Structure formats: C-alpha cells, structure tokens
Amino acid sequence: MHFLCSSHQRYKLEFNLIDVLPVAKNPEGYGIYKPRANHNFKSGDDMILYMELAGFKYVRDGKFFEAGLKADMQIKDTSAKVLGAREGFITQNMRSRVPVREFF
C-alpha cells in the first residue's frame, strides 16, 4: 500500500507516518490493536488500518485546539501499477479544549 497524506488544507501543517498496518478489528487506543494475520484481502473484505502519526500540530482557536487529517490511498501491485485508489480514505477534524493525541 502507498499512502499520500497531508494535514487538512485549513491547517497546512506537516506530519509523519510512523507505522501503518492492517489490523483484525478497530483499535482501542494508541498501541492497543490486534494485528491482522496477513496482508491479503479478498474483494469485499473490510480494511481496517492502524496508523501512528508524529509531528502533527494544532491551530489555536480561542479556548480550543484544532487539528485535521486527510489521507488518500492507492493500492499498487509489485510493478507499481495502481489497482485501486480512494481519495479522502481518511478525513477527520478534531476540536478540543486540550490537544488531542489520537485520531479514531
């Protein structure tokens, strides 16, 4: 898999992906996940990914902190041919009174 990631356009901030891996069920929190037995998916299988991010920043809006995340996804074969793609695979905005450290 190849991920093209950027923070939400409003924030125009940089961040890094530390780890991306398929998991068997929805993660319960940072580092709390059940790894998927393999990386093979059949048509119609759900794809649940666990991702660790680093370096994302917040925009202060009065008493609130805001952060946004948008990721597009491309699935490629071993010769880099794109087999499928989805823009906005992940789109999430957070607004909180304290800096949020996890996206779910």
Protein backbone atom coordinates (compact mmCIF):
# COMPACT_ATOMS: atom_id res chain seq x y z
CA MET A 1 0.00 0.00 0.00
CA HIS A 2 1.08 3.53 -0.65
CA PHE A 3 -0.41 6.41 1.32
CA LEU A 4 -0.40 10.01 0.22
CA CYS A 5 -1.06 12.01 3.37
CA SER A 6 -1.34 15.63 4.27
CA SER A 7 -2.95 17.55 7.05
CA HIS A 8 -6.30 19.18 6.37
CA GLN A 9 -5.97 22.12 3.94
CA ARG A 10 -7.14 24.63 6.53
CA TYR A 11 -4.14 23.87 8.72
CA LYS A 12 -1.43 23.30 6.09
CA LEU A 13 0.80 21.50 8.58
CA GLU A 14 3.25 18.65 8.15
CA PHE A 15 3.30 15.31 9.93
CA ASN A 16 4.90 11.90 9.52
CA LEU A 17 3.52 8.39 9.44
CA ILE A 18 5.48 6.23 11.84
CA ASP A 19 3.62 2.98 11.20
CA VAL A 20 0.69 1.75 9.08
CA LEU A 21 -0.53 -1.82 9.35
CA PRO A 22 -3.72 -3.80 8.80
CA VAL A 23 -5.48 -4.91 11.97
CA ALA A 24 -8.17 -7.50 12.71
CA LYS A 25 -10.57 -5.10 14.46
CA ASN A 26 -10.89 -1.43 15.35
CA PRO A 27 -8.01 -0.27 17.58
CA GLU A 28 -8.97 0.60 21.14
CA GLY A 29 -6.31 3.28 21.58
CA TYR A 30 -2.71 4.18 20.90
CA GLY A 31 -0.79 0.90 20.60
CA ILE A 32 -3.88 -1.12 21.53
CA TYR A 33 -4.66 -3.21 18.46
CA LYS A 34 -4.84 -6.81 17.24
CA PRO A 35 -2.61 -7.35 14.18
CA ARG A 36 -4.25 -8.97 11.18
CA ALA A 37 -2.93 -12.49 10.47
CA ASN A 38 -1.81 -11.46 6.96
CA HIS A 39 -1.89 -8.62 4.44
CA ASN A 40 -4.11 -10.45 1.95
CA PHE A 41 -7.59 -9.09 1.31
CA LYS A 42 -10.38 -10.52 -0.82
CA SER A 43 -12.91 -8.42 -2.65
CA GLY A 44 -15.46 -7.22 -0.12
CA ASP A 45 -13.20 -7.63 2.94
CA ASP A 46 -13.12 -4.71 5.35
CA MET A 47 -9.76 -2.96 5.52
CA ILE A 48 -9.02 -1.60 8.98
CA LEU A 49 -5.70 0.17 9.38
CA TYR A 50 -3.78 1.18 12.48
CA MET A 51 -1.62 4.25 11.93
CA GLU A 52 0.78 6.07 14.20
CA LEU A 53 1.39 9.71 13.41
CA ALA A 54 4.08 12.04 14.66
CA GLY A 55 4.67 15.73 14.38
CA PHE A 56 1.14 16.91 13.71
CA LYS A 57 0.38 20.28 15.19
CA TYR A 58 -2.67 22.20 16.33
CA VAL A 59 -4.21 25.51 15.44
CA ARG A 60 -5.37 27.52 18.44
CA ASP A 61 -8.87 28.95 18.14
CA GLY A 62 -9.66 30.81 21.34
CA LYS A 63 -10.00 28.20 24.08
CA PHE A 64 -9.89 25.33 21.60
CA PHE A 65 -7.22 23.34 19.78
CA GLU A 66 -7.99 22.16 16.22
CA ALA A 67 -6.27 19.54 14.11
CA GLY A 68 -7.28 17.88 10.86
CA LEU A 69 -6.22 14.79 8.98
CA LYS A 70 -6.87 13.76 5.39
CA ALA A 71 -5.32 10.76 3.65
CA ASP A 72 -5.78 9.39 0.15
CA MET A 73 -4.95 5.74 -0.53
CA GLN A 74 -3.59 3.87 -3.53
CA ILE A 75 -3.21 0.11 -3.74
CA LYS A 76 -0.44 -0.94 -6.11
CA ASP A 77 0.88 -4.27 -7.32
CA THR A 78 4.57 -5.18 -7.20
CA SER A 79 5.19 -3.37 -10.52
CA ALA A 80 3.68 -0.13 -9.09
CA LYS A 81 0.54 -0.40 -11.22
CA VAL A 82 -2.37 1.24 -9.37
CA LEU A 83 -5.03 -1.39 -8.74
CA GLY A 84 -7.37 0.89 -6.81
CA ALA A 85 -7.46 4.30 -5.22
CA ARG A 86 -9.68 6.27 -2.92
CA GLU A 87 -9.43 9.99 -2.28
CA GLY A 88 -10.43 11.01 1.20
CA PHE A 89 -9.85 7.49 2.55
CA ILE A 90 -9.48 9.21 5.91
CA THR A 91 -10.91 12.64 6.64
CA GLN A 92 -11.19 13.73 10.22
CA ASN A 93 -11.22 17.03 12.08
CA MET A 94 -10.77 17.40 15.81
CA ARG A 95 -11.70 20.35 18.02
CA SER A 96 -10.91 20.02 21.71
CA ARG A 97 -10.16 22.04 24.82
CA VAL A 98 -6.89 20.10 25.22
CA PRO A 99 -4.55 18.89 22.45
CA VAL A 100 -5.84 15.53 21.23
CA ARG A 101 -3.12 12.96 20.69
CA GLU A 102 -5.17 10.23 18.98
CA PHE A 103 -7.49 10.06 15.99
CA PHE A 104 -10.12 7.29 15.79
